Amino acid sequence: MKTRLTEQFGIRHPMLSAPMALVAGGRLVAAVSDAGGLGILGGGYAGALGGEPDLAQELRLVEGRKFGVGFITWALDRAPQALDEVLKRSPYCVFLSFGDPQPFAAKVHDAKAKLVCQVQTLRHVDQALDAGADAIVAQGAEAGGHGAARATLPLVPEVADYLAKRAPKTLLLAAGGIADGRGLAAAVMLGADGVLIGTRFWASAEALTPQAMTDRAVRATGDDTVRTKAIDRLRGVPWPQEFSFRVLKNKFTDEWAHREAEGDSARQPCERVRRSPGEAGFGYVFDGRRRSCRAAARPP
């Protein structure tokens, strides 16, 4: 399928893999790019919180390929040197999510990289356009991991119409609940030039996902997930108030998902989450796409 995304990014398929923190390592990025999409390495919290994969090591796995690197923008504010190190490796694009991209835009463009910004509201779209984004990813609440409140189906066409009036040359990708060709076709019909896919690759053999989490995910449906702010509060991770986290349900989320207001003063229970992430169920799936997630999973 040819779209403006494939033509402008020089890829065969209108699809980018999401820069999932702790998961999207060099092997996954290389596999996606080799297959005709564009793999984006998960720079995550830019090392600001610790415990993340060695970014330099993961970057070595994508040498000689077209690739991107993504960061959580509010965390990059705390460790801007991480972007400097990445730009030395000549990424094709830098993907910024969850914060104002403006402070980093000039540096990205000066390095001849494309700026891709993920948005969840029209206010975020304005921020991305003010920063000179080459492509915008409209992420709906169906997405796994972090996101906001608006659903993919109404958000994507509204952003498409908005861009048509204000910045018609800016590319648009859809994200959230997209796991196969049907989702891609729907996104294009809604006005997108392509898609960003996360969980479909989260469950792949090349991802850094622990096997126990993959095993749980491939047995799950969308009904088995919950979106909550409690997880981050219990972990002590300072996510902005407008964002929440979709994870697989388990005993921990049954106890805490509805008690978000208590999280800041009750972080001790999350120590067992850090010790046993598989049991804690930090795996997540997009929109109940059980069949697609299983298709990408490691062999049993």
Protein backbone atom coordinates (compact mmCIF):
# COMPACT_ATOMS: atom_id res chain seq x y z
CA MET A 1 0.00 0.00 0.00
CA LYS A 2 1.37 3.40 -1.02
CA THR A 3 0.53 6.46 1.05
CA ARG A 4 2.14 9.79 1.73
CA LEU A 5 3.92 8.09 4.64
CA THR A 6 5.56 5.41 2.52
CA GLU A 7 6.57 7.94 -0.12
CA GLN A 8 8.00 10.54 2.26
CA PHE A 9 9.64 8.10 4.70
CA GLY A 10 10.90 5.78 1.98
CA ILE A 11 9.37 2.61 3.47
CA ARG A 12 7.32 -0.17 1.85
CA HIS A 13 4.53 -0.40 4.41
CA PRO A 14 2.71 2.55 6.06
CA MET A 15 3.53 1.36 9.54
CA LEU A 16 5.80 2.40 12.39
CA SER A 17 6.48 0.32 15.48
CA ALA A 18 5.90 2.16 18.74
CA PRO A 19 8.93 3.16 20.85
CA MET A 20 7.70 1.21 23.87
CA ALA A 21 9.78 1.88 26.96
CA LEU A 22 11.62 -1.20 28.29
CA VAL A 23 10.34 -3.27 25.34
CA ALA A 24 11.27 -1.82 21.94
CA GLY A 25 14.93 -2.75 21.72
CA GLY A 26 17.33 -3.00 18.83
CA ARG A 27 16.33 -6.50 17.69
CA LEU A 28 12.68 -5.48 17.33
CA VAL A 29 13.51 -2.22 15.58
CA ALA A 30 15.82 -4.00 13.13
CA ALA A 31 13.18 -6.65 12.36
CA VAL A 32 10.48 -4.06 11.65
CA SER A 33 12.72 -1.95 9.43
CA ASP A 34 14.02 -5.02 7.59
CA ALA A 35 10.40 -6.03 6.90
CA GLY A 36 9.58 -2.71 5.24
CA GLY A 37 8.20 -0.63 8.08
CA LEU A 38 10.08 1.79 10.30
CA GLY A 39 11.20 0.51 13.68
CA ILE A 40 11.47 3.03 16.51
CA LEU A 41 13.70 2.29 19.46
CA GLY A 42 12.27 2.89 22.92
CA GLY A 43 14.36 5.57 24.61
CA GLY A 44 11.69 5.65 27.30
CA TYR A 45 12.52 7.81 30.28
CA ALA A 46 15.91 8.77 28.82
CA GLY A 47 17.58 6.94 31.70
CA ALA A 48 16.15 9.45 34.18
CA LEU A 49 14.46 6.79 36.30
CA GLY A 50 16.99 3.97 36.06
CA GLY A 51 16.48 0.30 35.31
CA GLU A 52 16.10 0.79 31.55
CA PRO A 53 17.93 -1.11 28.80
CA ASP A 54 21.32 0.28 27.81
CA LEU A 55 20.37 2.62 24.97
CA ALA A 56 23.85 2.67 23.46
CA GLN A 57 23.88 -1.12 23.33
CA GLU A 58 20.45 -1.26 21.68
CA LEU A 59 21.51 1.36 19.14
CA ARG A 60 24.41 -0.82 18.05
CA LEU A 61 21.89 -3.46 16.99
CA VAL A 62 20.33 -1.13 14.41
CA GLU A 63 23.50 0.12 12.76
CA GLY A 64 23.21 0.28 8.98
CA ARG A 65 19.41 0.45 9.05
CA LYS A 66 16.82 3.19 8.90
CA PHE A 67 15.47 3.61 12.42
CA GLY A 68 13.93 6.06 14.83
CA VAL A 69 14.23 6.67 18.56
CA GLY A 70 11.42 7.73 20.86
CA PHE A 71 11.39 9.43 24.25
CA ILE A 72 8.83 10.30 26.90
CA THR A 73 9.09 14.05 26.57
CA TRP A 74 8.58 15.11 30.17
CA ALA A 75 11.35 12.69 31.19
CA LEU A 76 13.65 13.94 28.44
CA ASP A 77 13.32 17.38 30.03
CA ARG A 78 15.23 15.89 32.98
CA ALA A 79 17.92 14.21 30.90
CA PRO A 80 18.30 16.18 27.63
CA GLN A 81 21.78 14.80 27.07
CA ALA A 82 20.15 11.51 26.02
CA LEU A 83 18.87 13.18 22.87
CA ASP A 84 22.34 14.49 22.07
CA GLU A 85 23.76 10.97 22.25
CA VAL A 86 21.01 9.58 20.03
CA LEU A 87 21.43 12.26 17.38
CA LYS A 88 25.08 11.26 17.01
CA ARG A 89 23.77 7.96 15.58
CA SER A 90 21.81 9.72 12.79
CA PRO A 91 18.28 8.39 13.44
CA TYR A 92 15.80 8.88 10.64
CA CYS A 93 13.29 10.31 13.09
CA VAL A 94 12.86 11.27 16.73
CA PHE A 95 9.50 10.39 18.27
CA LEU A 96 8.33 12.51 21.22
CA SER A 97 5.31 11.69 23.38
CA PHE A 98 3.63 13.07 26.49
CA GLY A 99 4.91 16.61 26.75
CA ASP A 100 5.74 19.76 24.81
CA PRO A 101 8.21 18.93 22.00
CA GLN A 102 9.18 22.55 21.39
CA PRO A 103 12.38 22.57 23.51
CA PHE A 104 13.85 19.73 21.42
CA ALA A 105 12.49 20.50 17.95
CA ALA A 106 15.31 22.69 16.64
CA LYS A 107 17.97 20.23 17.74
CA VAL A 108 16.14 17.36 16.00
CA HIS A 109 15.75 19.27 12.76
CA ASP A 110 19.30 20.61 12.87
CA ALA A 111 20.42 16.98 12.91
CA LYS A 112 18.40 16.39 9.70
CA ALA A 113 16.04 14.01 11.50
CA LYS A 114 12.28 14.06 11.14
CA LEU A 115 10.21 15.02 14.18
CA VAL A 116 7.26 12.75 14.97
CA CYS A 117 4.96 13.84 17.79
CA GLN A 118 2.30 11.73 19.45
CA VAL A 119 -0.84 13.59 20.53
CA GLN A 120 -4.02 12.83 22.43
CA THR A 121 -5.90 16.14 22.12
CA LEU A 122 -6.15 19.06 19.71
CA ARG A 123 -4.13 21.13 22.18
CA HIS A 124 -1.32 18.62 21.75
CA VAL A 125 -1.71 18.95 17.97
CA ASP A 126 -1.12 22.69 18.24
CA GLN A 127 2.01 22.08 20.32
CA ALA A 128 3.32 19.63 17.74
CA LEU A 129 2.65 21.96 14.83
CA ASP A 130 4.24 24.89 16.65
CA ALA A 131 7.32 22.70 17.05
CA GLY A 132 7.39 21.95 13.33
CA ALA A 133 6.42 18.28 13.52
CA ASP A 134 6.84 16.38 10.25
CA ALA A 135 4.31 13.76 11.35
CA ILE A 136 1.68 13.55 14.06
CA VAL A 137 0.43 10.35 15.70
CA ALA A 138 -3.13 10.61 17.00
CA GLN A 139 -3.29 8.13 19.87
CA GLY A 140 -6.64 6.93 21.17
CA ALA A 141 -7.48 5.59 24.61
CA GLU A 142 -7.63 2.03 23.28
CA ALA A 143 -3.84 2.01 23.27
CA GLY A 144 -1.94 -0.15 25.70
CA GLY A 145 0.45 1.52 28.10
CA HIS A 146 0.19 5.26 28.65
CA GLY A 147 -2.45 7.37 26.96
CA ALA A 148 -5.32 9.72 27.60
CA ALA A 149 -9.11 9.75 27.41
CA ARG A 150 -10.19 10.27 23.79
CA ALA A 151 -11.03 7.26 21.62
CA THR A 152 -9.21 6.49 18.37
CA LEU A 153 -12.27 6.39 16.10
CA PRO A 154 -13.39 10.02 16.66
CA LEU A 155 -9.94 11.46 17.37
CA VAL A 156 -8.22 10.47 14.13
CA PRO A 157 -10.69 12.07 11.68
CA GLU A 158 -10.93 15.20 13.82
CA VAL A 159 -7.15 15.57 13.74
CA ALA A 160 -7.18 14.83 10.00
CA ASP A 161 -9.68 17.63 9.39
CA TYR A 162 -7.72 19.97 11.63
CA LEU A 163 -4.47 19.29 9.79
CA ALA A 164 -6.16 19.69 6.41
CA LYS A 165 -6.97 23.28 7.38
CA ARG A 166 -3.86 24.29 9.31
CA ALA A 167 -0.99 22.09 8.09
CA PRO A 168 -1.98 19.95 5.11
CA LYS A 169 1.60 18.79 4.44
CA THR A 170 1.95 17.27 7.91
CA LEU A 171 1.58 13.50 7.94
CA LEU A 172 -0.95 11.80 10.21
CA LEU A 173 -0.69 8.35 11.76
CA ALA A 174 -3.30 6.59 13.87
CA ALA A 175 -2.58 4.65 17.06
CA GLY A 176 -4.62 2.83 19.67
CA GLY A 177 -6.45 -0.44 19.04
CA ILE A 178 -4.63 -1.15 15.77
CA ALA A 179 -3.12 -4.60 15.41
CA ASP A 180 -3.63 -5.88 11.86
CA GLY A 181 -4.58 -4.99 8.30
CA ARG A 182 -8.16 -4.22 9.25
CA GLY A 183 -6.97 -1.55 11.63
CA LEU A 184 -4.65 -0.12 8.98
CA ALA A 185 -7.48 0.00 6.44
CA ALA A 186 -9.77 1.69 8.95
CA ALA A 187 -7.10 4.26 9.83
CA VAL A 188 -6.58 5.17 6.18
CA MET A 189 -10.34 5.54 5.70
CA LEU A 190 -10.39 7.90 8.71
CA GLY A 191 -7.83 10.12 7.00
CA ALA A 192 -4.51 8.79 8.30
CA ASP A 193 -1.42 8.21 6.16
CA GLY A 194 -0.42 5.17 8.18
CA VAL A 195 -0.38 3.62 11.63
CA LEU A 196 1.73 3.21 14.74
CA ILE A 197 1.50 -0.26 16.27
CA GLY A 198 2.67 -1.27 19.73
CA THR A 199 1.24 -4.36 21.41
CA ARG A 200 1.30 -6.44 18.23
CA PHE A 201 5.08 -6.04 18.42
CA TRP A 202 5.18 -6.06 22.23
CA ALA A 203 4.32 -9.77 22.00
CA SER A 204 6.91 -10.60 19.35
CA ALA A 205 9.97 -12.78 19.77
CA GLU A 206 12.28 -9.82 19.08
CA ALA A 207 10.83 -7.62 21.84
CA LEU A 208 12.38 -7.33 25.30
CA THR A 209 9.09 -8.40 26.90
CA PRO A 210 9.54 -11.08 29.59
CA GLN A 211 8.15 -14.45 28.53
CA ALA A 212 5.73 -14.63 31.49
CA MET A 213 4.12 -11.36 30.42
CA THR A 214 3.80 -12.48 26.82
CA ASP A 215 2.17 -15.72 27.95
CA ARG A 216 -0.43 -13.76 29.90
CA ALA A 217 -1.09 -11.34 27.08
CA VAL A 218 -1.80 -13.95 24.41
CA ARG A 219 -4.51 -15.46 26.61
CA ALA A 220 -6.15 -12.09 27.28
CA THR A 221 -8.81 -9.99 25.58
CA GLY A 222 -9.52 -6.29 25.80
CA ASP A 223 -11.93 -7.04 28.65
CA ASP A 224 -8.93 -8.17 30.69
CA THR A 225 -7.28 -4.72 30.73
CA VAL A 226 -7.84 -1.66 32.87
CA ARG A 227 -6.75 1.96 32.46
CA THR A 228 -5.67 3.62 35.69
CA LYS A 229 -3.39 6.27 37.17
CA ALA A 230 -2.80 4.27 40.34
CA ILE A 231 0.09 2.22 38.93
CA ASP A 232 2.29 5.23 38.31
CA ARG A 233 1.43 6.84 41.63
CA LEU A 234 2.33 3.67 43.48
CA ARG A 235 5.57 3.40 41.51
CA GLY A 236 6.36 6.99 42.36
CA VAL A 237 6.70 7.92 38.68
CA PRO A 238 5.61 11.55 38.17
CA TRP A 239 3.37 11.22 35.13
CA PRO A 240 1.30 14.29 34.22
CA GLN A 241 -2.25 14.13 35.53
CA GLU A 242 -3.87 13.88 32.09
CA PHE A 243 -2.31 10.48 31.31
CA SER A 244 -3.20 7.02 32.59
CA PHE A 245 -1.79 3.53 32.07
CA ARG A 246 -3.55 0.53 30.45
CA VAL A 247 -2.37 -2.78 31.91
CA LEU A 248 -3.59 -6.33 32.27
CA LYS A 249 -5.88 -6.88 35.24
CA ASN A 250 -4.61 -8.96 38.14
CA LYS A 251 -4.88 -9.08 41.93
CA PHE A 252 -2.80 -5.93 42.23
CA THR A 253 -4.96 -3.85 39.90
CA ASP A 254 -8.13 -5.29 41.44
CA GLU A 255 -6.94 -3.83 44.73
CA TRP A 256 -5.56 -0.49 43.51
CA ALA A 257 -6.96 0.56 40.10
CA HIS A 258 -9.95 2.35 41.64
CA ARG A 259 -7.93 3.92 44.47
CA GLU A 260 -5.88 6.43 42.47
CA ALA A 261 -6.13 9.16 45.09
CA GLU A 262 -4.42 6.93 47.65
CA GLY A 263 -1.43 6.11 45.48
CA ASP A 264 0.86 8.99 46.46
CA SER A 265 0.72 8.07 50.13
CA ALA A 266 0.76 4.28 49.71
CA ARG A 267 3.81 3.40 47.61
CA GLN A 268 5.04 0.54 49.77
CA PRO A 269 2.69 -2.04 48.15
CA CYS A 270 4.35 -1.39 44.81
CA GLU A 271 7.63 -2.85 46.06
CA ARG A 272 6.26 -6.29 45.24
CA VAL A 273 5.49 -5.04 41.73
CA ARG A 274 9.17 -4.17 41.22
CA ARG A 275 10.23 -7.56 42.54
CA SER A 276 7.76 -9.59 40.47
CA PRO A 277 6.72 -7.77 37.27
CA GLY A 278 5.33 -10.91 35.66
CA GLU A 279 2.93 -11.49 38.51
CA ALA A 280 2.08 -7.82 38.61
CA GLY A 281 0.84 -7.96 35.04
CA PHE A 282 2.38 -4.88 33.51
CA GLY A 283 1.77 -6.46 30.11
CA TYR A 284 -1.00 -4.87 28.07
CA VAL A 285 -2.93 -5.55 24.88
CA PHE A 286 -4.55 -3.27 22.29
CA ASP A 287 -8.29 -3.37 21.98
CA GLY A 288 -8.70 -7.07 22.68
CA ARG A 289 -6.78 -8.10 19.57
CA ARG A 290 -6.11 -11.51 20.98
CA ARG A 291 -5.66 -13.28 17.66
CA SER A 292 -3.19 -10.71 16.35
CA CYS A 293 -1.24 -10.65 19.57
CA ARG A 294 -0.97 -14.42 19.57
CA ALA A 295 0.18 -14.46 15.95
CA ALA A 296 3.18 -12.33 16.87
CA ALA A 297 4.04 -14.17 20.06
CA ARG A 298 6.95 -16.46 20.72
CA PRO A 299 6.29 -20.14 20.09
CA PRO A 300 5.10 -21.94 23.26
